[in-house]
Amino acid sequence: MTTADIAAMPVAEKLKLMEALWDSLNAQTDKDVESPAWHEAALQQAEDDLTAGTASLVDWAEAKDSLRKSSRV
């Protein structure tokens, strides 16, 4: 699959592909890949926002459903 193939896909199919990729990466046993520095900063910001009450948690299944619905344009 090429970048052009992916670009031609509908958004809903791209989201399914991305979810499958994440599931595959998560299942890998070799965890030698380090997160980039910006990732720690983003997680810290999210935690700070939760603590300050300026953000709230959303159930992962609900978040995926919302993303799928919003991609049906």
PDB file of N, CA and C in Angstrom:
ATOM      1  N   MET A   1       0.856  -1.171   0.000  1.00  0.00           N
ATOM      2  CA  MET A   1       0.000   0.000   0.000  1.00  0.00           C
ATOM      3  C   MET A   1       0.902   1.233   0.000  1.00  0.00           C
ATOM      4  N   THR A   2       0.573   2.170  -0.872  1.00  0.00           N
ATOM      5  CA  THR A   2       1.372   3.386  -0.988  1.00  0.00           C
ATOM      6  C   THR A   2       0.673   4.558  -0.312  1.00  0.00           C
ATOM      7  N   THR A   3       1.392   5.644  -0.158  1.00  0.00           N
ATOM      8  CA  THR A   3       0.810   6.862   0.396  1.00  0.00           C
ATOM      9  C   THR A   3      -0.346   7.337  -0.472  1.00  0.00           C
ATOM     10  N   ALA A   4      -0.196   7.204  -1.779  1.00  0.00           N
ATOM     11  CA  ALA A   4      -1.275   7.602  -2.700  1.00  0.00           C
ATOM     12  C   ALA A   4      -2.517   6.739  -2.488  1.00  0.00           C
ATOM     13  N   ASP A   5      -2.317   5.435  -2.246  1.00  0.00           N
ATOM     14  CA  ASP A   5      -3.456   4.549  -1.968  1.00  0.00           C
ATOM     15  C   ASP A   5      -4.196   5.005  -0.715  1.00  0.00           C
ATOM     16  N   ILE A   6      -3.429   5.343   0.299  1.00  0.00           N
ATOM     17  CA  ILE A   6      -4.028   5.789   1.558  1.00  0.00           C
ATOM     18  C   ILE A   6      -4.753   7.110   1.360  1.00  0.00           C
ATOM     19  N   ALA A   7      -4.161   8.029   0.622  1.00  0.00           N
ATOM     20  CA  ALA A   7      -4.783   9.329   0.369  1.00  0.00           C
ATOM     21  C   ALA A   7      -6.116   9.181  -0.349  1.00  0.00           C
ATOM     22  N   ALA A   8      -6.249   8.148  -1.164  1.00  0.00           N
ATOM     23  CA  ALA A   8      -7.482   7.937  -1.932  1.00  0.00           C
ATOM     24  C   ALA A   8      -8.585   7.265  -1.115  1.00  0.00           C
ATOM     25  N   MET A   9      -8.242   6.761   0.057  1.00  0.00           N
ATOM     26  CA  MET A   9      -9.227   6.056   0.881  1.00  0.00           C
ATOM     27  C   MET A   9     -10.196   7.031   1.540  1.00  0.00           C
ATOM     28  N   PRO A  10     -11.447   6.596   1.741  1.00  0.00           N
ATOM     29  CA  PRO A  10     -12.383   7.416   2.536  1.00  0.00           C
ATOM     30  C   PRO A  10     -11.873   7.525   3.973  1.00  0.00           C
ATOM     31  N   VAL A  11     -12.253   8.582   4.662  1.00  0.00           N
ATOM     32  CA  VAL A  11     -11.782   8.825   6.023  1.00  0.00           C
ATOM     33  C   VAL A  11     -12.123   7.658   6.947  1.00  0.00           C
ATOM     34  N   ALA A  12     -13.302   7.100   6.824  1.00  0.00           N
ATOM     35  CA  ALA A  12     -13.694   5.983   7.691  1.00  0.00           C
ATOM     36  C   ALA A  12     -12.740   4.797   7.512  1.00  0.00           C
ATOM     37  N   GLU A  13     -12.326   4.523   6.284  1.00  0.00           N
ATOM     38  CA  GLU A  13     -11.393   3.434   6.028  1.00  0.00           C
ATOM     39  C   GLU A  13     -10.006   3.762   6.580  1.00  0.00           C
ATOM     40  N   LYS A  14      -9.609   5.032   6.491  1.00  0.00           N
ATOM     41  CA  LYS A  14      -8.323   5.446   7.056  1.00  0.00           C
ATOM     42  C   LYS A  14      -8.311   5.233   8.561  1.00  0.00           C
ATOM     43  N   LEU A  15      -9.410   5.564   9.212  1.00  0.00           N
ATOM     44  CA  LEU A  15      -9.492   5.378  10.665  1.00  0.00           C
ATOM     45  C   LEU A  15      -9.413   3.903  11.028  1.00  0.00           C
ATOM     46  N   LYS A  16     -10.080   3.044  10.262  1.00  0.00           N
ATOM     47  CA  LYS A  16     -10.009   1.603  10.517  1.00  0.00           C
ATOM     48  C   LYS A  16      -8.582   1.100  10.336  1.00  0.00           C
ATOM     49  N   LEU A  17      -7.906   1.566   9.294  1.00  0.00           N
ATOM     50  CA  LEU A  17      -6.526   1.178   9.051  1.00  0.00           C
ATOM     51  C   LEU A  17      -5.624   1.637  10.188  1.00  0.00           C
ATOM     52  N   MET A  18      -5.817   2.878  10.628  1.00  0.00           N
ATOM     53  CA  MET A  18      -5.001   3.417  11.706  1.00  0.00           C
ATOM     54  C   MET A  18      -5.229   2.618  12.993  1.00  0.00           C
ATOM     55  N   GLU A  19      -6.463   2.257  13.268  1.00  0.00           N
ATOM     56  CA  GLU A  19      -6.760   1.468  14.464  1.00  0.00           C
ATOM     57  C   GLU A  19      -6.094   0.095  14.372  1.00  0.00           C
ATOM     58  N   ALA A  20      -6.124  -0.518  13.194  1.00  0.00           N
ATOM     59  CA  ALA A  20      -5.480  -1.822  13.013  1.00  0.00           C
ATOM     60  C   ALA A  20      -3.970  -1.711  13.206  1.00  0.00           C
ATOM     61  N   LEU A  21      -3.378  -0.622  12.709  1.00  0.00           N
ATOM     62  CA  LEU A  21      -1.943  -0.414  12.901  1.00  0.00           C
ATOM     63  C   LEU A  21      -1.601  -0.260  14.378  1.00  0.00           C
ATOM     64  N   TRP A  22      -2.384   0.528  15.101  1.00  0.00           N
ATOM     65  CA  TRP A  22      -2.126   0.718  16.531  1.00  0.00           C
ATOM     66  C   TRP A  22      -2.264  -0.607  17.286  1.00  0.00           C
ATOM     67  N   ASP A  23      -3.293  -1.389  16.944  1.00  0.00           N
ATOM     68  CA  ASP A  23      -3.474  -2.689  17.592  1.00  0.00           C
ATOM     69  C   ASP A  23      -2.268  -3.586  17.334  1.00  0.00           C
ATOM     70  N   SER A  24      -1.767  -3.563  16.096  1.00  0.00           N
ATOM     71  CA  SER A  24      -0.606  -4.371  15.743  1.00  0.00           C
ATOM     72  C   SER A  24       0.639  -3.914  16.505  1.00  0.00           C
ATOM     73  N   LEU A  25       0.847  -2.608  16.561  1.00  0.00           N
ATOM     74  CA  LEU A  25       1.998  -2.081  17.296  1.00  0.00           C
ATOM     75  C   LEU A  25       1.910  -2.421  18.778  1.00  0.00           C
ATOM     76  N   ASN A  26       0.716  -2.316  19.332  1.00  0.00           N
ATOM     77  CA  ASN A  26       0.517  -2.586  20.753  1.00  0.00           C
ATOM     78  C   ASN A  26       0.784  -4.056  21.089  1.00  0.00           C
ATOM     79  N   ALA A  27       0.525  -4.944  20.140  1.00  0.00           N
ATOM     80  CA  ALA A  27       0.688  -6.374  20.376  1.00  0.00           C
ATOM     81  C   ALA A  27       2.149  -6.814  20.282  1.00  0.00           C
ATOM     82  N   GLN A  28       3.009  -5.966  19.748  1.00  0.00           N
ATOM     83  CA  GLN A  28       4.408  -6.352  19.596  1.00  0.00           C
ATOM     84  C   GLN A  28       5.078  -6.489  20.953  1.00  0.00           C
ATOM     85  N   THR A  29       5.904  -7.509  21.058  1.00  0.00           N
ATOM     86  CA  THR A  29       6.573  -7.767  22.334  1.00  0.00           C
ATOM     87  C   THR A  29       7.868  -6.991  22.486  1.00  0.00           C
ATOM     88  N   ASP A  30       8.464  -6.556  21.372  1.00  0.00           N
ATOM     89  CA  ASP A  30       9.713  -5.789  21.494  1.00  0.00           C
ATOM     90  C   ASP A  30       9.374  -4.321  21.695  1.00  0.00           C
ATOM     91  N   LYS A  31       9.516  -3.886  22.902  1.00  0.00           N
ATOM     92  CA  LYS A  31       9.141  -2.519  23.283  1.00  0.00           C
ATOM     93  C   LYS A  31      10.363  -1.601  23.295  1.00  0.00           C
ATOM     94  N   ASP A  32      11.255  -1.785  22.324  1.00  0.00           N
ATOM     95  CA  ASP A  32      12.495  -1.022  22.285  1.00  0.00           C
ATOM     96  C   ASP A  32      12.321   0.388  21.728  1.00  0.00           C
ATOM     97  N   VAL A  33      11.144   0.718  21.278  1.00  0.00           N
ATOM     98  CA  VAL A  33      10.915   2.035  20.695  1.00  0.00           C
ATOM     99  C   VAL A  33      10.555   3.006  21.816  1.00  0.00           C
ATOM    100  N   GLU A  34      11.328   4.071  21.915  1.00  0.00           N
ATOM    101  CA  GLU A  34      11.069   5.076  22.949  1.00  0.00           C
ATOM    102  C   GLU A  34      10.096   6.129  22.425  1.00  0.00           C
ATOM    103  N   SER A  35       9.262   6.630  23.307  1.00  0.00           N
ATOM    104  CA  SER A  35       8.363   7.719  22.940  1.00  0.00           C
ATOM    105  C   SER A  35       9.177   8.993  22.745  1.00  0.00           C
ATOM    106  N   PRO A  36       8.755   9.829  21.807  1.00  0.00           N
ATOM    107  CA  PRO A  36       9.465  11.096  21.618  1.00  0.00           C
ATOM    108  C   PRO A  36       9.231  12.031  22.806  1.00  0.00           C
ATOM    109  N   ALA A  37      10.128  12.997  22.987  1.00  0.00           N
ATOM    110  CA  ALA A  37      10.047  13.917  24.126  1.00  0.00           C
ATOM    111  C   ALA A  37       8.726  14.681  24.152  1.00  0.00           C
ATOM    112  N   TRP A  38       8.205  15.047  22.967  1.00  0.00           N
ATOM    113  CA  TRP A  38       6.960  15.817  22.929  1.00  0.00           C
ATOM    114  C   TRP A  38       5.792  15.007  23.495  1.00  0.00           C
ATOM    115  N   HIS A  39       5.899  13.665  23.426  1.00  0.00           N
ATOM    116  CA  HIS A  39       4.811  12.831  23.921  1.00  0.00           C
ATOM    117  C   HIS A  39       4.655  12.977  25.429  1.00  0.00           C
ATOM    118  N   GLU A  40       5.780  12.976  26.137  1.00  0.00           N
ATOM    119  CA  GLU A  40       5.731  13.161  27.593  1.00  0.00           C
ATOM    120  C   GLU A  40       5.139  14.525  27.942  1.00  0.00           C
ATOM    121  N   ALA A  41       5.525  15.549  27.169  1.00  0.00           N
ATOM    122  CA  ALA A  41       5.002  16.898  27.415  1.00  0.00           C
ATOM    123  C   ALA A  41       3.495  16.948  27.167  1.00  0.00           C
ATOM    124  N   ALA A  42       3.028  16.271  26.119  1.00  0.00           N
ATOM    125  CA  ALA A  42       1.596  16.254  25.815  1.00  0.00           C
ATOM    126  C   ALA A  42       0.814  15.526  26.902  1.00  0.00           C
ATOM    127  N   LEU A  43       1.363  14.415  27.392  1.00  0.00           N
ATOM    128  CA  LEU A  43       0.707  13.681  28.480  1.00  0.00           C
ATOM    129  C   LEU A  43       0.658  14.514  29.762  1.00  0.00           C
ATOM    130  N   GLN A  44       1.736  15.216  30.047  1.00  0.00           N
ATOM    131  CA  GLN A  44       1.772  16.068  31.237  1.00  0.00           C
ATOM    132  C   GLN A  44       0.744  17.185  31.118  1.00  0.00           C
ATOM    133  N   GLN A  45       0.633  17.777  29.930  1.00  0.00           N
ATOM    134  CA  GLN A  45      -0.352  18.846  29.712  1.00  0.00           C
ATOM    135  C   GLN A  45      -1.768  18.316  29.902  1.00  0.00           C
ATOM    136  N   ALA A  46      -2.034  17.122  29.387  1.00  0.00           N
ATOM    137  CA  ALA A  46      -3.354  16.517  29.546  1.00  0.00           C
ATOM    138  C   ALA A  46      -3.659  16.258  31.020  1.00  0.00           C
ATOM    139  N   GLU A  47      -2.667  15.764  31.754  1.00  0.00           N
ATOM    140  CA  GLU A  47      -2.853  15.526  33.184  1.00  0.00           C
ATOM    141  C   GLU A  47      -3.101  16.839  33.927  1.00  0.00           C
ATOM    142  N   ASP A  48      -2.349  17.875  33.559  1.00  0.00           N
ATOM    143  CA  ASP A  48      -2.544  19.190  34.178  1.00  0.00           C
ATOM    144  C   ASP A  48      -3.941  19.725  33.895  1.00  0.00           C
ATOM    145  N   ASP A  49      -4.414  19.550  32.660  1.00  0.00           N
ATOM    146  CA  ASP A  49      -5.753  20.015  32.288  1.00  0.00           C
ATOM    147  C   ASP A  49      -6.827  19.272  33.072  1.00  0.00           C
ATOM    148  N   LEU A  50      -6.640  17.965  33.261  1.00  0.00           N
ATOM    149  CA  LEU A  50      -7.591  17.188  34.062  1.00  0.00           C
ATOM    150  C   LEU A  50      -7.610  17.679  35.507  1.00  0.00           C
ATOM    151  N   THR A  51      -6.425  17.897  36.062  1.00  0.00           N
ATOM    152  CA  THR A  51      -6.314  18.363  37.446  1.00  0.00           C
ATOM    153  C   THR A  51      -6.958  19.733  37.612  1.00  0.00           C
ATOM    154  N   ALA A  52      -6.781  20.605  36.621  1.00  0.00           N
ATOM    155  CA  ALA A  52      -7.335  21.956  36.685  1.00  0.00           C
ATOM    156  C   ALA A  52      -8.837  21.989  36.382  1.00  0.00           C
ATOM    157  N   GLY A  53      -9.368  20.865  35.909  1.00  0.00           N
ATOM    158  CA  GLY A  53     -10.791  20.827  35.584  1.00  0.00           C
ATOM    159  C   GLY A  53     -11.132  21.436  34.231  1.00  0.00           C
ATOM    160  N   THR A  54     -10.129  21.674  33.403  1.00  0.00           N
ATOM    161  CA  THR A  54     -10.379  22.250  32.075  1.00  0.00           C
ATOM    162  C   THR A  54     -10.490  21.182  30.996  1.00  0.00           C
ATOM    163  N   ALA A  55     -10.405  19.915  31.393  1.00  0.00           N
ATOM    164  CA  ALA A  55     -10.570  18.789  30.470  1.00  0.00           C
ATOM    165  C   ALA A  55     -11.284  17.670  31.217  1.00  0.00           C
ATOM    166  N   SER A  56     -11.879  16.778  30.463  1.00  0.00           N
ATOM    167  CA  SER A  56     -12.548  15.639  31.084  1.00  0.00           C
ATOM    168  C   SER A  56     -12.222  14.381  30.301  1.00  0.00           C
ATOM    169  N   LEU A  57     -12.406  13.245  30.957  1.00  0.00           N
ATOM    170  CA  LEU A  57     -12.138  11.957  30.327  1.00  0.00           C
ATOM    171  C   LEU A  57     -13.334  11.527  29.497  1.00  0.00           C
ATOM    172  N   VAL A  58     -13.042  10.818  28.412  1.00  0.00           N
ATOM    173  CA  VAL A  58     -14.075  10.261  27.550  1.00  0.00           C
ATOM    174  C   VAL A  58     -13.757   8.777  27.384  1.00  0.00           C
ATOM    175  N   ASP A  59     -14.767   7.940  27.496  1.00  0.00           N
ATOM    176  CA  ASP A  59     -14.603   6.514  27.295  1.00  0.00           C
ATOM    177  C   ASP A  59     -14.056   6.260  25.891  1.00  0.00           C
ATOM    178  N   TRP A  60     -13.061   5.357  25.767  1.00  0.00           N
ATOM    179  CA  TRP A  60     -12.399   5.119  24.483  1.00  0.00           C
ATOM    180  C   TRP A  60     -13.399   4.656  23.420  1.00  0.00           C
ATOM    181  N   ALA A  61     -14.326   3.777  23.773  1.00  0.00           N
ATOM    182  CA  ALA A  61     -15.318   3.305  22.796  1.00  0.00           C
ATOM    183  C   ALA A  61     -16.179   4.473  22.308  1.00  0.00           C
ATOM    184  N   GLU A  62     -16.558   5.357  23.226  1.00  0.00           N
ATOM    185  CA  GLU A  62     -17.347   6.534  22.840  1.00  0.00           C
ATOM    186  C   GLU A  62     -16.539   7.472  21.957  1.00  0.00           C
ATOM    187  N   ALA A  63     -15.258   7.634  22.266  1.00  0.00           N
ATOM    188  CA  ALA A  63     -14.400   8.509  21.461  1.00  0.00           C
ATOM    189  C   ALA A  63     -14.274   7.961  20.043  1.00  0.00           C
ATOM    190  N   LYS A  64     -14.051   6.649  19.903  1.00  0.00           N
ATOM    191  CA  LYS A  64     -13.951   6.063  18.568  1.00  0.00           C
ATOM    192  C   LYS A  64     -15.261   6.211  17.807  1.00  0.00           C
ATOM    193  N   ASP A  65     -16.381   5.987  18.486  1.00  0.00           N
ATOM    194  CA  ASP A  65     -17.686   6.128  17.845  1.00  0.00           C
ATOM    195  C   ASP A  65     -17.898   7.559  17.369  1.00  0.00           C
ATOM    196  N   SER A  66     -17.525   8.506  18.202  1.00  0.00           N
ATOM    197  CA  SER A  66     -17.649   9.925  17.832  1.00  0.00           C
ATOM    198  C   SER A  66     -16.788  10.260  16.616  1.00  0.00           C
ATOM    199  N   LEU A  67     -15.564   9.746  16.590  1.00  0.00           N
ATOM    200  CA  LEU A  67     -14.671   9.981  15.450  1.00  0.00           C
ATOM    201  C   LEU A  67     -15.233   9.364  14.174  1.00  0.00           C
ATOM    202  N   ARG A  68     -15.763   8.165  14.292  1.00  0.00           N
ATOM    203  CA  ARG A  68     -16.346   7.509  13.116  1.00  0.00           C
ATOM    204  C   ARG A  68     -17.542   8.296  12.591  1.00  0.00           C
ATOM    205  N   LYS A  69     -18.398   8.769  13.498  1.00  0.00           N
ATOM    206  CA  LYS A  69     -19.564   9.544  13.078  1.00  0.00           C
ATOM    207  C   LYS A  69     -19.166  10.858  12.434  1.00  0.00           C
ATOM    208  N   SER A  70     -18.137  11.506  12.970  1.00  0.00           N
ATOM    209  CA  SER A  70     -17.722  12.808  12.429  1.00  0.00           C
ATOM    210  C   SER A  70     -17.000  12.657  11.094  1.00  0.00           C
ATOM    211  N   SER A  71     -16.548  11.438  10.768  1.00  0.00           N
ATOM    212  CA  SER A  71     -15.839  11.235   9.505  1.00  0.00           C
ATOM    213  C   SER A  71     -16.804  10.936   8.359  1.00  0.00           C
ATOM    214  N   ARG A  72     -18.057  10.752   8.662  1.00  0.00           N
ATOM    215  CA  ARG A  72     -19.062  10.478   7.622  1.00  0.00           C
ATOM    216  C   ARG A  72     -19.603  11.789   7.063  1.00  0.00           C
ATOM    217  N   VAL A  73     -18.754  12.458   6.349  1.00  0.00           N
ATOM    218  CA  VAL A  73     -19.132  13.772   5.812  1.00  0.00           C
ATOM    219  C   VAL A  73     -19.568  13.650   4.388  1.00  0.00           C
TER     220      VAL A  73
END
